[in-house]
Amino acid sequence: FFLKDIDECETYSDKCHVNALCNNTHGSHVCTCKPGYTGDGRNCTDIDECSKAHTVKMNDCDPNASCTNTQGSYICSCKSKYIGNGLNCEADPCYYYKNLSEANRKESYKTPYGSELCDKQLPEGWYRFVGAAGTKMPTTRVSDYRCGAVHPGWLDDTHPTVEDGEASKKVCFSDRNGNKCREIKNISVKNCGSYFIYNLIRPLKCQMRYCGTD
């Protein structure tokens, strides 16, 4: 005659640790600690994935992230001045940028004929307008022969909010022939709370320069 197997996992579930899984077998059962725990299934203790005592790294946190151990798992959080999900962290450009402070870069500066400047040699990267250059880019059309150039560049859009993160915006370089834009560049802009930064790229031609205002 056939004897029905008793499911010990239902009948004797307390034999396994609370942080273990019970697997019924014919005539018996097996206790296995859940992921994130170690032991024989009868006794399971939390694995500290953040501990430096392990010879092998047991977490996927980015080198620029902090690891916080939790019961059965862990949490990765990017360190100060870095942004990301903890698994991947990159430098927050709000702390890593160059300043543009020239007085002749400001919107109110009239460019002398024969002394035109341009940003064709400007290294690409994040910049902040400070000092005599102003505090941000203008968001309305700037007349030609301003900002030390023939074709001043201005933001043809509104500035982003902090919540927007790195926002894609359009820069227009004013045309002196009555057209709105001689050239358009798409850049990234970020609101850092009390100031803005701009990921500027080089104009294709000279006589074009990014403009600042208050």
C-alpha atoms as a PDB file:
ATOM      1  CA  PHE A   1       0.000   0.000   0.000  1.00  0.00           C
ATOM      2  CA  PHE A   2       1.069   3.610  -0.590  1.00  0.00           C
ATOM      3  CA  LEU A   3       1.917   5.856   2.349  1.00  0.00           C
ATOM      4  CA  LYS A   4       1.314   9.539   1.776  1.00  0.00           C
ATOM      5  CA  ASP A   5       4.319  11.697   2.546  1.00  0.00           C
ATOM      6  CA  ILE A   6       3.877  14.129   5.391  1.00  0.00           C
ATOM      7  CA  ASP A   7       4.775  17.688   4.473  1.00  0.00           C
ATOM      8  CA  GLU A   8       7.080  18.524   7.354  1.00  0.00           C
ATOM      9  CA  CYS A   9       7.323  22.114   6.146  1.00  0.00           C
ATOM     10  CA  GLU A  10       3.666  22.588   7.032  1.00  0.00           C
ATOM     11  CA  THR A  11       3.610  20.355  10.067  1.00  0.00           C
ATOM     12  CA  TYR A  12       6.947  21.274  11.611  1.00  0.00           C
ATOM     13  CA  SER A  13       7.611  24.673  10.115  1.00  0.00           C
ATOM     14  CA  ASP A  14       9.136  25.906  13.352  1.00  0.00           C
ATOM     15  CA  LYS A  15      12.060  23.523  12.898  1.00  0.00           C
ATOM     16  CA  CYS A  16      13.556  25.901  10.336  1.00  0.00           C
ATOM     17  CA  HIS A  17      14.861  29.305  11.310  1.00  0.00           C
ATOM     18  CA  VAL A  18      12.605  32.296  10.641  1.00  0.00           C
ATOM     19  CA  ASN A  19      15.118  33.442   8.009  1.00  0.00           C
ATOM     20  CA  ALA A  20      15.297  30.036   6.329  1.00  0.00           C
ATOM     21  CA  LEU A  21      13.311  28.314   3.587  1.00  0.00           C
ATOM     22  CA  CYS A  22      11.855  24.856   4.142  1.00  0.00           C
ATOM     23  CA  ASN A  23      11.961  22.343   1.301  1.00  0.00           C
ATOM     24  CA  ASN A  24       9.893  19.205   1.791  1.00  0.00           C
ATOM     25  CA  THR A  25      11.487  15.904   0.748  1.00  0.00           C
ATOM     26  CA  HIS A  26      10.175  12.342   0.819  1.00  0.00           C
ATOM     27  CA  GLY A  27      10.078  11.440   4.470  1.00  0.00           C
ATOM     28  CA  SER A  28      11.939  14.523   5.598  1.00  0.00           C
ATOM     29  CA  HIS A  29      12.661  18.172   4.875  1.00  0.00           C
ATOM     30  CA  VAL A  30      15.611  20.500   4.291  1.00  0.00           C
ATOM     31  CA  CYS A  31      16.117  23.946   5.810  1.00  0.00           C
ATOM     32  CA  THR A  32      18.134  26.449   3.785  1.00  0.00           C
ATOM     33  CA  CYS A  33      18.985  29.965   4.906  1.00  0.00           C
ATOM     34  CA  LYS A  34      17.497  32.707   2.756  1.00  0.00           C
ATOM     35  CA  PRO A  35      19.744  34.835   0.503  1.00  0.00           C
ATOM     36  CA  GLY A  36      21.644  37.330   2.636  1.00  0.00           C
ATOM     37  CA  TYR A  37      21.883  34.903   5.557  1.00  0.00           C
ATOM     38  CA  THR A  38      24.310  32.140   6.462  1.00  0.00           C
ATOM     39  CA  GLY A  39      23.936  29.029   8.634  1.00  0.00           C
ATOM     40  CA  ASP A  40      22.606  25.484   8.615  1.00  0.00           C
ATOM     41  CA  GLY A  41      18.959  26.430   8.179  1.00  0.00           C
ATOM     42  CA  ARG A  42      18.192  25.769  11.813  1.00  0.00           C
ATOM     43  CA  ASN A  43      20.162  28.827  12.755  1.00  0.00           C
ATOM     44  CA  CYS A  44      20.674  31.677  10.297  1.00  0.00           C
ATOM     45  CA  THR A  45      22.598  34.889  10.835  1.00  0.00           C
ATOM     46  CA  ASP A  46      22.682  37.985   8.677  1.00  0.00           C
ATOM     47  CA  ILE A  47      25.597  38.360   6.272  1.00  0.00           C
ATOM     48  CA  ASP A  48      27.172  41.807   6.531  1.00  0.00           C
ATOM     49  CA  GLU A  49      27.755  42.488   2.840  1.00  0.00           C
ATOM     50  CA  CYS A  50      29.337  45.821   3.752  1.00  0.00           C
ATOM     51  CA  SER A  51      31.976  44.347   6.037  1.00  0.00           C
ATOM     52  CA  LYS A  52      35.575  44.820   4.945  1.00  0.00           C
ATOM     53  CA  ALA A  53      36.438  41.544   6.671  1.00  0.00           C
ATOM     54  CA  HIS A  54      35.421  39.555   3.598  1.00  0.00           C
ATOM     55  CA  THR A  55      38.237  38.590   1.231  1.00  0.00           C
ATOM     56  CA  VAL A  56      35.842  39.050  -1.700  1.00  0.00           C
ATOM     57  CA  LYS A  57      33.656  42.139  -2.126  1.00  0.00           C
ATOM     58  CA  MET A  58      30.088  41.056  -1.401  1.00  0.00           C
ATOM     59  CA  ASN A  59      28.238  44.131  -2.653  1.00  0.00           C
ATOM     60  CA  ASP A  60      27.843  45.976  -5.949  1.00  0.00           C
ATOM     61  CA  CYS A  61      28.193  49.491  -4.538  1.00  0.00           C
ATOM     62  CA  ASP A  62      30.104  52.005  -6.636  1.00  0.00           C
ATOM     63  CA  PRO A  63      33.560  52.971  -5.274  1.00  0.00           C
ATOM     64  CA  ASN A  64      32.079  56.439  -4.645  1.00  0.00           C
ATOM     65  CA  ALA A  65      29.127  55.056  -2.682  1.00  0.00           C
ATOM     66  CA  SER A  66      28.556  54.076   0.945  1.00  0.00           C
ATOM     67  CA  CYS A  67      27.257  50.624   1.842  1.00  0.00           C
ATOM     68  CA  THR A  68      24.685  50.205   4.628  1.00  0.00           C
ATOM     69  CA  ASN A  69      23.947  46.711   5.861  1.00  0.00           C
ATOM     70  CA  THR A  70      20.313  45.692   6.395  1.00  0.00           C
ATOM     71  CA  GLN A  71      18.726  42.409   7.489  1.00  0.00           C
ATOM     72  CA  GLY A  72      19.300  40.016   4.598  1.00  0.00           C
ATOM     73  CA  SER A  73      20.492  42.711   2.228  1.00  0.00           C
ATOM     74  CA  TYR A  74      22.274  46.065   1.925  1.00  0.00           C
ATOM     75  CA  ILE A  75      21.770  49.579   0.537  1.00  0.00           C
ATOM     76  CA  CYS A  76      24.161  51.561  -1.665  1.00  0.00           C
ATOM     77  CA  SER A  77      24.074  55.368  -1.424  1.00  0.00           C
ATOM     78  CA  CYS A  78      26.260  57.764  -3.399  1.00  0.00           C
ATOM     79  CA  LYS A  79      28.628  59.796  -1.253  1.00  0.00           C
ATOM     80  CA  SER A  80      28.475  63.582  -0.906  1.00  0.00           C
ATOM     81  CA  LYS A  81      29.199  65.454  -4.165  1.00  0.00           C
ATOM     82  CA  TYR A  82      28.230  62.400  -6.220  1.00  0.00           C
ATOM     83  CA  ILE A  83      24.920  61.506  -7.836  1.00  0.00           C
ATOM     84  CA  GLY A  84      23.412  58.216  -8.979  1.00  0.00           C
ATOM     85  CA  ASN A  85      21.638  55.126  -7.683  1.00  0.00           C
ATOM     86  CA  GLY A  86      24.479  53.877  -5.500  1.00  0.00           C
ATOM     87  CA  LEU A  87      25.437  51.148  -7.939  1.00  0.00           C
ATOM     88  CA  ASN A  88      26.662  53.786 -10.361  1.00  0.00           C
ATOM     89  CA  CYS A  89      27.802  57.171  -9.044  1.00  0.00           C
ATOM     90  CA  GLU A  90      29.276  60.096 -10.930  1.00  0.00           C
ATOM     91  CA  ALA A  91      30.621  63.444  -9.828  1.00  0.00           C
ATOM     92  CA  ASP A  92      27.886  66.039  -9.309  1.00  0.00           C
ATOM     93  CA  PRO A  93      28.756  68.900 -11.692  1.00  0.00           C
ATOM     94  CA  CYS A  94      27.353  71.365  -9.131  1.00  0.00           C
ATOM     95  CA  TYR A  95      30.672  70.902  -7.304  1.00  0.00           C
ATOM     96  CA  TYR A  96      32.949  70.467 -10.299  1.00  0.00           C
ATOM     97  CA  TYR A  97      32.840  73.340 -12.789  1.00  0.00           C
ATOM     98  CA  LYS A  98      34.877  76.256 -14.138  1.00  0.00           C
ATOM     99  CA  ASN A  99      34.026  79.935 -13.703  1.00  0.00           C
ATOM    100  CA  LEU A 100      33.338  82.470 -16.449  1.00  0.00           C
ATOM    101  CA  SER A 101      33.997  85.878 -14.907  1.00  0.00           C
ATOM    102  CA  GLU A 102      35.103  88.207 -17.721  1.00  0.00           C
ATOM    103  CA  ALA A 103      33.408  91.609 -17.691  1.00  0.00           C
ATOM    104  CA  ASN A 104      33.385  91.645 -21.502  1.00  0.00           C
ATOM    105  CA  ARG A 105      31.202  88.528 -21.484  1.00  0.00           C
ATOM    106  CA  LYS A 106      28.252  90.346 -19.921  1.00  0.00           C
ATOM    107  CA  GLU A 107      25.135  91.201 -21.925  1.00  0.00           C
ATOM    108  CA  SER A 108      25.566  94.943 -21.331  1.00  0.00           C
ATOM    109  CA  TYR A 109      29.104  94.990 -22.762  1.00  0.00           C
ATOM    110  CA  LYS A 110      29.299  96.527 -26.246  1.00  0.00           C
ATOM    111  CA  THR A 111      31.856  94.817 -28.445  1.00  0.00           C
ATOM    112  CA  PRO A 112      34.371  97.265 -30.005  1.00  0.00           C
ATOM    113  CA  TYR A 113      34.835  96.821 -33.747  1.00  0.00           C
ATOM    114  CA  GLY A 114      38.076  95.011 -34.416  1.00  0.00           C
ATOM    115  CA  SER A 115      38.236  93.529 -30.899  1.00  0.00           C
ATOM    116  CA  GLU A 116      35.749  90.698 -31.306  1.00  0.00           C
ATOM    117  CA  LEU A 117      36.217  87.559 -29.205  1.00  0.00           C
ATOM    118  CA  CYS A 118      34.827  84.036 -29.542  1.00  0.00           C
ATOM    119  CA  ASP A 119      34.482  80.714 -27.712  1.00  0.00           C
ATOM    120  CA  LYS A 120      35.810  78.480 -30.483  1.00  0.00           C
ATOM    121  CA  GLN A 121      38.759  77.524 -28.255  1.00  0.00           C
ATOM    122  CA  LEU A 122      36.705  77.188 -25.056  1.00  0.00           C
ATOM    123  CA  PRO A 123      37.308  73.738 -23.496  1.00  0.00           C
ATOM    124  CA  GLU A 124      34.026  71.860 -23.369  1.00  0.00           C
ATOM    125  CA  GLY A 125      32.625  71.194 -19.899  1.00  0.00           C
ATOM    126  CA  TRP A 126      30.543  72.627 -17.067  1.00  0.00           C
ATOM    127  CA  TYR A 127      30.705  76.384 -16.415  1.00  0.00           C
ATOM    128  CA  ARG A 128      29.181  78.906 -14.028  1.00  0.00           C
ATOM    129  CA  PHE A 129      28.804  82.635 -14.669  1.00  0.00           C
ATOM    130  CA  VAL A 130      30.240  84.632 -11.770  1.00  0.00           C
ATOM    131  CA  GLY A 131      31.502  88.102 -10.893  1.00  0.00           C
ATOM    132  CA  ALA A 132      31.618  90.705 -13.646  1.00  0.00           C
ATOM    133  CA  ALA A 133      30.227  88.227 -16.199  1.00  0.00           C
ATOM    134  CA  GLY A 134      26.905  88.010 -14.352  1.00  0.00           C
ATOM    135  CA  THR A 135      25.222  85.071 -12.677  1.00  0.00           C
ATOM    136  CA  LYS A 136      23.462  83.231 -15.504  1.00  0.00           C
ATOM    137  CA  MET A 137      22.745  83.218 -19.233  1.00  0.00           C
ATOM    138  CA  PRO A 138      20.102  85.621 -20.579  1.00  0.00           C
ATOM    139  CA  THR A 139      16.847  84.039 -21.748  1.00  0.00           C
ATOM    140  CA  THR A 140      15.849  86.748 -24.217  1.00  0.00           C
ATOM    141  CA  ARG A 141      17.524  87.708 -27.475  1.00  0.00           C
ATOM    142  CA  VAL A 142      20.795  89.613 -27.098  1.00  0.00           C
ATOM    143  CA  SER A 143      21.646  92.130 -29.809  1.00  0.00           C
ATOM    144  CA  ASP A 144      24.639  91.513 -32.033  1.00  0.00           C
ATOM    145  CA  TYR A 145      27.976  93.035 -31.014  1.00  0.00           C
ATOM    146  CA  ARG A 146      27.412  92.332 -27.347  1.00  0.00           C
ATOM    147  CA  CYS A 147      29.256  90.141 -24.818  1.00  0.00           C
ATOM    148  CA  GLY A 148      32.584  90.733 -26.549  1.00  0.00           C
ATOM    149  CA  ALA A 149      31.469  89.009 -29.744  1.00  0.00           C
ATOM    150  CA  VAL A 150      29.649  89.657 -32.998  1.00  0.00           C
ATOM    151  CA  HIS A 151      27.164  86.852 -32.325  1.00  0.00           C
ATOM    152  CA  PRO A 152      26.339  86.547 -28.577  1.00  0.00           C
ATOM    153  CA  GLY A 153      24.856  83.281 -27.334  1.00  0.00           C
ATOM    154  CA  TRP A 154      21.757  83.300 -25.143  1.00  0.00           C
ATOM    155  CA  LEU A 155      19.399  80.646 -23.748  1.00  0.00           C
ATOM    156  CA  ASP A 156      16.346  80.349 -25.977  1.00  0.00           C
ATOM    157  CA  ASP A 157      14.325  78.793 -23.154  1.00  0.00           C
ATOM    158  CA  THR A 158      13.625  79.097 -19.436  1.00  0.00           C
ATOM    159  CA  HIS A 159      16.057  77.892 -16.798  1.00  0.00           C
ATOM    160  CA  PRO A 160      15.329  74.474 -15.240  1.00  0.00           C
ATOM    161  CA  THR A 161      14.208  73.803 -11.686  1.00  0.00           C
ATOM    162  CA  VAL A 162      16.270  71.773  -9.223  1.00  0.00           C
ATOM    163  CA  GLU A 163      13.895  68.847  -9.772  1.00  0.00           C
ATOM    164  CA  ASP A 164      14.582  68.893 -13.526  1.00  0.00           C
ATOM    165  CA  GLY A 165      18.148  67.730 -12.987  1.00  0.00           C
ATOM    166  CA  GLU A 166      20.323  68.112 -16.078  1.00  0.00           C
ATOM    167  CA  ALA A 167      17.978  69.640 -18.648  1.00  0.00           C
ATOM    168  CA  SER A 168      18.615  69.905 -22.379  1.00  0.00           C
ATOM    169  CA  LYS A 169      18.288  73.516 -23.552  1.00  0.00           C
ATOM    170  CA  LYS A 170      18.870  75.431 -26.776  1.00  0.00           C
ATOM    171  CA  VAL A 171      21.396  78.257 -27.120  1.00  0.00           C
ATOM    172  CA  CYS A 172      20.869  80.761 -29.920  1.00  0.00           C
ATOM    173  CA  PHE A 173      23.725  82.881 -31.273  1.00  0.00           C
ATOM    174  CA  SER A 174      22.164  86.128 -32.493  1.00  0.00           C
ATOM    175  CA  ASP A 175      22.416  86.965 -36.182  1.00  0.00           C
ATOM    176  CA  ARG A 176      23.285  90.536 -37.174  1.00  0.00           C
ATOM    177  CA  ASN A 177      21.211  90.309 -40.365  1.00  0.00           C
ATOM    178  CA  GLY A 178      17.884  90.391 -38.564  1.00  0.00           C
ATOM    179  CA  ASN A 179      17.426  86.644 -38.274  1.00  0.00           C
ATOM    180  CA  LYS A 180      16.880  85.249 -34.793  1.00  0.00           C
ATOM    181  CA  CYS A 181      19.705  82.703 -34.762  1.00  0.00           C
ATOM    182  CA  ARG A 182      22.873  82.411 -36.795  1.00  0.00           C
ATOM    183  CA  GLU A 183      23.676  79.106 -35.097  1.00  0.00           C
ATOM    184  CA  ILE A 184      21.972  76.879 -32.518  1.00  0.00           C
ATOM    185  CA  LYS A 185      23.662  74.664 -29.940  1.00  0.00           C
ATOM    186  CA  ASN A 186      21.979  72.163 -27.630  1.00  0.00           C
ATOM    187  CA  ILE A 187      23.560  72.198 -24.167  1.00  0.00           C
ATOM    188  CA  SER A 188      22.772  70.814 -20.716  1.00  0.00           C
ATOM    189  CA  VAL A 189      21.806  73.192 -17.906  1.00  0.00           C
ATOM    190  CA  LYS A 190      21.494  72.335 -14.220  1.00  0.00           C
ATOM    191  CA  ASN A 191      19.925  74.255 -11.354  1.00  0.00           C
ATOM    192  CA  CYS A 192      22.195  73.818  -8.320  1.00  0.00           C
ATOM    193  CA  GLY A 193      19.810  75.569  -5.929  1.00  0.00           C
ATOM    194  CA  SER A 194      21.427  78.992  -5.645  1.00  0.00           C
ATOM    195  CA  TYR A 195      23.112  79.084  -9.058  1.00  0.00           C
ATOM    196  CA  PHE A 196      23.054  77.562 -12.540  1.00  0.00           C
ATOM    197  CA  ILE A 197      25.758  75.673 -14.404  1.00  0.00           C
ATOM    198  CA  TYR A 198      26.014  75.066 -18.142  1.00  0.00           C
ATOM    199  CA  ASN A 199      27.662  72.221 -20.034  1.00  0.00           C
ATOM    200  CA  LEU A 200      29.030  74.334 -22.871  1.00  0.00           C
ATOM    201  CA  ILE A 201      30.222  73.061 -26.233  1.00  0.00           C
ATOM    202  CA  ARG A 202      32.330  74.946 -28.744  1.00  0.00           C
ATOM    203  CA  PRO A 203      30.625  76.949 -31.490  1.00  0.00           C
ATOM    204  CA  LEU A 204      31.540  75.809 -34.993  1.00  0.00           C
ATOM    205  CA  LYS A 205      32.698  79.266 -36.020  1.00  0.00           C
ATOM    206  CA  CYS A 206      34.440  82.181 -34.399  1.00  0.00           C
ATOM    207  CA  GLN A 207      32.739  85.497 -33.514  1.00  0.00           C
ATOM    208  CA  MET A 208      30.302  83.479 -31.358  1.00  0.00           C
ATOM    209  CA  ARG A 209      30.444  83.673 -27.570  1.00  0.00           C
ATOM    210  CA  TYR A 210      28.293  82.607 -24.628  1.00  0.00           C
ATOM    211  CA  CYS A 211      26.750  85.578 -22.854  1.00  0.00           C
ATOM    212  CA  GLY A 212      26.098  86.303 -19.164  1.00  0.00           C
ATOM    213  CA  THR A 213      23.652  88.526 -17.315  1.00  0.00           C
ATOM    214  CA  ASP A 214      22.412  89.244 -13.781  1.00  0.00           C
END
